[in-house]
Amino acid sequence: MSPDILYFKTELGQREIAKQSLLHSRPLRNVLLMVDGKRGVPALQALIQSISAPEDALDQLLGLGLIAAPAAPPPPPAPAPVEASDSFLHDDDELPSELNLDTRTAPEHVDRTADFSSLYQQLNSLVSANLGMIKAYGMQLKIEQCQTPDQLIALLPEIKAALVSKHGEAKAVALLRQLGR
């Protein structure tokens, strides 16, 4: 296993998080939750060891088709339109207008699955890169439970609060403004 590989959850892996139908081992499920396309093999192996998961956990998840490694670096996620409630931001801390993911009013040609997938990936990356391991893990669990863009948007106040706690208000708002870009 090459140390520079960045594994990501496959569609089957994302469904497994929601449905819990294949994995009956909590440690393996925890490893699946930590696979986010940002952590390399050494970081994942350290996590595997710290939670007492099987040493071959990544191989098991690969064998089940729950994770994969990109053949080429994945393209950056396309901006996803989102219409989020700004109530968790101060009046002068609005989210960028390109965040407009309201699937109830989106035109028919908008790919709602892509909107969800993009926001899902962006939020996972945001918490993984900007929160401590334990707090990021907790937030990733909550993100994994979401099935719609609206559910992801509903997590934004909690994500903002965690970011403010770790980095302060100004940086938290700056990080949230990067969503959808």
C-alpha atoms as a PDB file:
ATOM      1  CA  MET A   1       0.000   0.000   0.000  1.00  0.00           C
ATOM      2  CA  SER A   2       1.589   3.245  -1.137  1.00  0.00           C
ATOM      3  CA  PRO A   3       1.794   5.911   1.596  1.00  0.00           C
ATOM      4  CA  ASP A   4       0.727   8.691  -0.792  1.00  0.00           C
ATOM      5  CA  ILE A   5      -2.626   7.091  -1.672  1.00  0.00           C
ATOM      6  CA  LEU A   6      -5.638   9.073  -0.510  1.00  0.00           C
ATOM      7  CA  TYR A   7      -8.582   6.723  -0.161  1.00  0.00           C
ATOM      8  CA  PHE A   8     -12.153   7.963  -0.426  1.00  0.00           C
ATOM      9  CA  LYS A   9     -15.525   6.373   0.287  1.00  0.00           C
ATOM     10  CA  THR A  10     -17.248   4.907  -2.739  1.00  0.00           C
ATOM     11  CA  GLU A  11     -20.955   5.391  -3.255  1.00  0.00           C
ATOM     12  CA  LEU A  12     -21.407   1.960  -1.670  1.00  0.00           C
ATOM     13  CA  GLY A  13     -19.294   3.125   1.276  1.00  0.00           C
ATOM     14  CA  GLN A  14     -21.448   6.216   1.755  1.00  0.00           C
ATOM     15  CA  ARG A  15     -24.587   4.074   1.647  1.00  0.00           C
ATOM     16  CA  GLU A  16     -23.035   1.720   4.210  1.00  0.00           C
ATOM     17  CA  ILE A  17     -22.612   4.607   6.629  1.00  0.00           C
ATOM     18  CA  ALA A  18     -26.312   5.376   6.341  1.00  0.00           C
ATOM     19  CA  LYS A  19     -27.729   1.837   6.175  1.00  0.00           C
ATOM     20  CA  GLN A  20     -25.204  -0.163   8.255  1.00  0.00           C
ATOM     21  CA  SER A  21     -25.865  -3.350   6.303  1.00  0.00           C
ATOM     22  CA  LEU A  22     -22.412  -4.790   5.500  1.00  0.00           C
ATOM     23  CA  LEU A  23     -20.119  -3.913   8.384  1.00  0.00           C
ATOM     24  CA  HIS A  24     -20.926  -5.527  11.679  1.00  0.00           C
ATOM     25  CA  SER A  25     -17.558  -4.646  13.221  1.00  0.00           C
ATOM     26  CA  ARG A  26     -17.589  -1.260  14.980  1.00  0.00           C
ATOM     27  CA  PRO A  27     -13.815  -0.750  14.513  1.00  0.00           C
ATOM     28  CA  LEU A  28     -14.132  -1.344  10.742  1.00  0.00           C
ATOM     29  CA  ARG A  29     -17.079   1.036  10.601  1.00  0.00           C
ATOM     30  CA  ASN A  30     -15.020   3.649  12.467  1.00  0.00           C
ATOM     31  CA  VAL A  31     -12.199   3.252   9.941  1.00  0.00           C
ATOM     32  CA  LEU A  32     -14.705   3.723   7.105  1.00  0.00           C
ATOM     33  CA  LEU A  33     -15.903   6.921   8.770  1.00  0.00           C
ATOM     34  CA  MET A  34     -12.330   8.256   8.918  1.00  0.00           C
ATOM     35  CA  VAL A  35     -11.619   7.649   5.224  1.00  0.00           C
ATOM     36  CA  ASP A  36     -12.164  11.083   3.726  1.00  0.00           C
ATOM     37  CA  GLY A  37      -9.876  11.497   0.715  1.00  0.00           C
ATOM     38  CA  LYS A  38      -7.580  13.769   2.747  1.00  0.00           C
ATOM     39  CA  ARG A  39      -5.719  11.363   5.003  1.00  0.00           C
ATOM     40  CA  GLY A  40      -2.908   9.293   3.533  1.00  0.00           C
ATOM     41  CA  VAL A  41      -2.220   5.672   4.381  1.00  0.00           C
ATOM     42  CA  PRO A  42       0.187   6.478   7.249  1.00  0.00           C
ATOM     43  CA  ALA A  43      -2.403   8.708   8.955  1.00  0.00           C
ATOM     44  CA  LEU A  44      -5.114   6.099   8.467  1.00  0.00           C
ATOM     45  CA  GLN A  45      -2.841   3.340   9.775  1.00  0.00           C
ATOM     46  CA  ALA A  46      -2.142   5.433  12.891  1.00  0.00           C
ATOM     47  CA  LEU A  47      -5.887   5.866  13.419  1.00  0.00           C
ATOM     48  CA  ILE A  48      -6.462   2.153  12.832  1.00  0.00           C
ATOM     49  CA  GLN A  49      -3.887   1.316  15.478  1.00  0.00           C
ATOM     50  CA  SER A  50      -5.267   3.890  17.941  1.00  0.00           C
ATOM     51  CA  ILE A  51      -8.799   2.453  17.787  1.00  0.00           C
ATOM     52  CA  SER A  52      -7.656  -1.183  17.843  1.00  0.00           C
ATOM     53  CA  ALA A  53      -9.091  -1.958  14.421  1.00  0.00           C
ATOM     54  CA  PRO A  54      -7.676  -4.885  12.429  1.00  0.00           C
ATOM     55  CA  GLU A  55      -4.336  -4.099  10.797  1.00  0.00           C
ATOM     56  CA  ASP A  56      -5.808  -5.057   7.419  1.00  0.00           C
ATOM     57  CA  ALA A  57      -8.845  -2.780   7.838  1.00  0.00           C
ATOM     58  CA  LEU A  58      -8.100  -0.799   4.677  1.00  0.00           C
ATOM     59  CA  ASP A  59      -7.670  -4.016   2.683  1.00  0.00           C
ATOM     60  CA  GLN A  60     -10.986  -5.306   4.044  1.00  0.00           C
ATOM     61  CA  LEU A  61     -12.782  -2.074   3.104  1.00  0.00           C
ATOM     62  CA  LEU A  62     -11.173  -2.138  -0.348  1.00  0.00           C
ATOM     63  CA  GLY A  63     -12.236  -5.765  -0.821  1.00  0.00           C
ATOM     64  CA  LEU A  64     -15.835  -4.890   0.055  1.00  0.00           C
ATOM     65  CA  GLY A  65     -15.794  -1.982  -2.412  1.00  0.00           C
ATOM     66  CA  LEU A  66     -16.485   0.549   0.361  1.00  0.00           C
ATOM     67  CA  ILE A  67     -13.365   2.619  -0.343  1.00  0.00           C
ATOM     68  CA  ALA A  68     -11.215   3.227  -3.388  1.00  0.00           C
ATOM     69  CA  ALA A  69      -8.176   5.169  -4.476  1.00  0.00           C
ATOM     70  CA  PRO A  70      -8.568   7.609  -7.342  1.00  0.00           C
ATOM     71  CA  ALA A  71      -6.774   6.653 -10.536  1.00  0.00           C
ATOM     72  CA  ALA A  72      -5.833  10.304 -10.926  1.00  0.00           C
ATOM     73  CA  PRO A  73      -6.141  13.168  -8.496  1.00  0.00           C
ATOM     74  CA  PRO A  74      -9.828  14.018  -8.184  1.00  0.00           C
ATOM     75  CA  PRO A  75     -10.904  17.303  -9.730  1.00  0.00           C
ATOM     76  CA  PRO A  76     -11.867  19.993  -7.269  1.00  0.00           C
ATOM     77  CA  PRO A  77     -15.576  19.871  -6.494  1.00  0.00           C
ATOM     78  CA  ALA A  78     -17.680  22.088  -8.689  1.00  0.00           C
ATOM     79  CA  PRO A  79     -19.322  25.001  -6.941  1.00  0.00           C
ATOM     80  CA  ALA A  80     -22.654  23.844  -5.635  1.00  0.00           C
ATOM     81  CA  PRO A  81     -25.494  26.316  -5.378  1.00  0.00           C
ATOM     82  CA  VAL A  82     -26.839  26.438  -1.832  1.00  0.00           C
ATOM     83  CA  GLU A  83     -29.572  28.473  -0.255  1.00  0.00           C
ATOM     84  CA  ALA A  84     -28.688  28.354   3.395  1.00  0.00           C
ATOM     85  CA  SER A  85     -30.282  30.078   6.299  1.00  0.00           C
ATOM     86  CA  ASP A  86     -27.932  32.834   7.422  1.00  0.00           C
ATOM     87  CA  SER A  87     -29.331  32.810  10.978  1.00  0.00           C
ATOM     88  CA  PHE A  88     -26.149  31.222  12.321  1.00  0.00           C
ATOM     89  CA  LEU A  89     -24.030  34.023  10.871  1.00  0.00           C
ATOM     90  CA  HIS A  90     -23.898  37.583  12.085  1.00  0.00           C
ATOM     91  CA  ASP A  91     -25.457  40.169   9.782  1.00  0.00           C
ATOM     92  CA  ASP A  92     -22.084  41.034   8.238  1.00  0.00           C
ATOM     93  CA  ASP A  93     -20.947  37.387   7.992  1.00  0.00           C
ATOM     94  CA  GLU A  94     -23.101  36.112   5.135  1.00  0.00           C
ATOM     95  CA  LEU A  95     -22.268  32.989   3.209  1.00  0.00           C
ATOM     96  CA  PRO A  96     -21.272  33.556  -0.408  1.00  0.00           C
ATOM     97  CA  SER A  97     -24.161  33.820  -2.822  1.00  0.00           C
ATOM     98  CA  GLU A  98     -22.914  30.819  -4.812  1.00  0.00           C
ATOM     99  CA  LEU A  99     -23.955  28.605  -1.884  1.00  0.00           C
ATOM    100  CA  ASN A 100     -27.482  27.888  -3.089  1.00  0.00           C
ATOM    101  CA  LEU A 101     -28.427  24.254  -2.589  1.00  0.00           C
ATOM    102  CA  ASP A 102     -32.174  24.592  -2.094  1.00  0.00           C
ATOM    103  CA  THR A 103     -33.412  21.514  -3.939  1.00  0.00           C
ATOM    104  CA  ARG A 104     -37.047  22.536  -3.545  1.00  0.00           C
ATOM    105  CA  THR A 105     -36.662  25.554  -5.812  1.00  0.00           C
ATOM    106  CA  ALA A 106     -33.713  24.508  -7.962  1.00  0.00           C
ATOM    107  CA  PRO A 107     -34.368  24.353 -11.705  1.00  0.00           C
ATOM    108  CA  GLU A 108     -35.045  20.881 -13.080  1.00  0.00           C
ATOM    109  CA  HIS A 109     -31.682  20.743 -14.881  1.00  0.00           C
ATOM    110  CA  VAL A 110     -29.733  21.023 -11.602  1.00  0.00           C
ATOM    111  CA  ASP A 111     -28.187  17.707 -10.591  1.00  0.00           C
ATOM    112  CA  ARG A 112     -29.377  17.448  -6.988  1.00  0.00           C
ATOM    113  CA  THR A 113     -27.190  14.398  -6.344  1.00  0.00           C
ATOM    114  CA  ALA A 114     -24.118  16.358  -7.420  1.00  0.00           C
ATOM    115  CA  ASP A 115     -25.175  19.235  -5.137  1.00  0.00           C
ATOM    116  CA  PHE A 116     -25.410  16.880  -2.150  1.00  0.00           C
ATOM    117  CA  SER A 117     -22.186  15.088  -3.044  1.00  0.00           C
ATOM    118  CA  SER A 118     -20.267  18.326  -3.476  1.00  0.00           C
ATOM    119  CA  LEU A 119     -21.456  19.830  -0.200  1.00  0.00           C
ATOM    120  CA  TYR A 120     -20.897  16.495   1.582  1.00  0.00           C
ATOM    121  CA  GLN A 121     -17.288  16.375   0.355  1.00  0.00           C
ATOM    122  CA  GLN A 122     -16.665  20.021   1.141  1.00  0.00           C
ATOM    123  CA  LEU A 123     -18.003  19.744   4.696  1.00  0.00           C
ATOM    124  CA  ASN A 124     -16.035  16.551   5.358  1.00  0.00           C
ATOM    125  CA  SER A 125     -12.875  18.210   4.071  1.00  0.00           C
ATOM    126  CA  LEU A 126     -13.544  21.376   6.068  1.00  0.00           C
ATOM    127  CA  VAL A 127     -13.955  19.616   9.408  1.00  0.00           C
ATOM    128  CA  SER A 128     -11.149  17.138   8.704  1.00  0.00           C
ATOM    129  CA  ALA A 129      -8.656  19.880   7.893  1.00  0.00           C
ATOM    130  CA  ASN A 130      -9.691  22.447  10.495  1.00  0.00           C
ATOM    131  CA  LEU A 131     -10.801  20.630  13.634  1.00  0.00           C
ATOM    132  CA  GLY A 132      -8.902  18.377  15.997  1.00  0.00           C
ATOM    133  CA  MET A 133      -9.127  14.652  15.378  1.00  0.00           C
ATOM    134  CA  ILE A 134     -11.791  13.961  18.013  1.00  0.00           C
ATOM    135  CA  LYS A 135     -14.011  16.932  17.152  1.00  0.00           C
ATOM    136  CA  ALA A 136     -13.601  16.241  13.408  1.00  0.00           C
ATOM    137  CA  TYR A 137     -14.564  12.614  13.969  1.00  0.00           C
ATOM    138  CA  GLY A 138     -17.732  13.642  15.814  1.00  0.00           C
ATOM    139  CA  MET A 139     -18.682  16.096  13.079  1.00  0.00           C
ATOM    140  CA  GLN A 140     -17.960  13.527  10.373  1.00  0.00           C
ATOM    141  CA  LEU A 141     -20.340  11.131  12.103  1.00  0.00           C
ATOM    142  CA  LYS A 142     -23.052  13.784  11.912  1.00  0.00           C
ATOM    143  CA  ILE A 143     -22.253  14.581   8.273  1.00  0.00           C
ATOM    144  CA  GLU A 144     -22.412  10.879   7.439  1.00  0.00           C
ATOM    145  CA  GLN A 145     -25.958  10.683   8.812  1.00  0.00           C
ATOM    146  CA  CYS A 146     -27.213  13.331   6.385  1.00  0.00           C
ATOM    147  CA  GLN A 147     -29.155  12.172   3.351  1.00  0.00           C
ATOM    148  CA  THR A 148     -30.179  15.507   1.787  1.00  0.00           C
ATOM    149  CA  PRO A 149     -28.585  18.874   1.118  1.00  0.00           C
ATOM    150  CA  ASP A 150     -31.009  20.446   3.607  1.00  0.00           C
ATOM    151  CA  GLN A 151     -29.750  18.135   6.356  1.00  0.00           C
ATOM    152  CA  LEU A 152     -26.156  19.123   5.560  1.00  0.00           C
ATOM    153  CA  ILE A 153     -27.093  22.797   5.623  1.00  0.00           C
ATOM    154  CA  ALA A 154     -28.769  22.302   8.996  1.00  0.00           C
ATOM    155  CA  LEU A 155     -25.351  21.233  10.380  1.00  0.00           C
ATOM    156  CA  LEU A 156     -23.700  24.519   9.386  1.00  0.00           C
ATOM    157  CA  PRO A 157     -24.428  26.297  12.689  1.00  0.00           C
ATOM    158  CA  GLU A 158     -22.866  23.441  14.647  1.00  0.00           C
ATOM    159  CA  ILE A 159     -19.874  23.302  12.311  1.00  0.00           C
ATOM    160  CA  LYS A 160     -19.468  27.065  12.615  1.00  0.00           C
ATOM    161  CA  ALA A 161     -19.576  26.837  16.423  1.00  0.00           C
ATOM    162  CA  ALA A 162     -16.851  24.170  16.408  1.00  0.00           C
ATOM    163  CA  LEU A 163     -14.723  26.261  14.049  1.00  0.00           C
ATOM    164  CA  VAL A 164     -15.219  29.378  16.199  1.00  0.00           C
ATOM    165  CA  SER A 165     -14.215  27.406  19.281  1.00  0.00           C
ATOM    166  CA  LYS A 166     -10.999  26.223  17.622  1.00  0.00           C
ATOM    167  CA  HIS A 167     -10.037  29.227  15.452  1.00  0.00           C
ATOM    168  CA  GLY A 168     -12.096  32.263  16.461  1.00  0.00           C
ATOM    169  CA  GLU A 169     -14.984  33.993  14.728  1.00  0.00           C
ATOM    170  CA  ALA A 170     -13.066  35.645  11.868  1.00  0.00           C
ATOM    171  CA  LYS A 171     -11.304  32.504  10.686  1.00  0.00           C
ATOM    172  CA  ALA A 172     -14.448  30.366  11.107  1.00  0.00           C
ATOM    173  CA  VAL A 173     -16.418  32.717   8.868  1.00  0.00           C
ATOM    174  CA  ALA A 174     -13.552  32.815   6.345  1.00  0.00           C
ATOM    175  CA  LEU A 175     -13.464  28.999   6.237  1.00  0.00           C
ATOM    176  CA  LEU A 176     -17.241  28.779   5.752  1.00  0.00           C
ATOM    177  CA  ARG A 177     -17.065  31.331   2.963  1.00  0.00           C
ATOM    178  CA  GLN A 178     -14.808  28.943   1.050  1.00  0.00           C
ATOM    179  CA  LEU A 179     -17.693  26.482   0.692  1.00  0.00           C
ATOM    180  CA  GLY A 180     -18.987  26.329  -2.848  1.00  0.00           C
ATOM    181  CA  ARG A 181     -15.909  27.863  -4.413  1.00  0.00           C
END
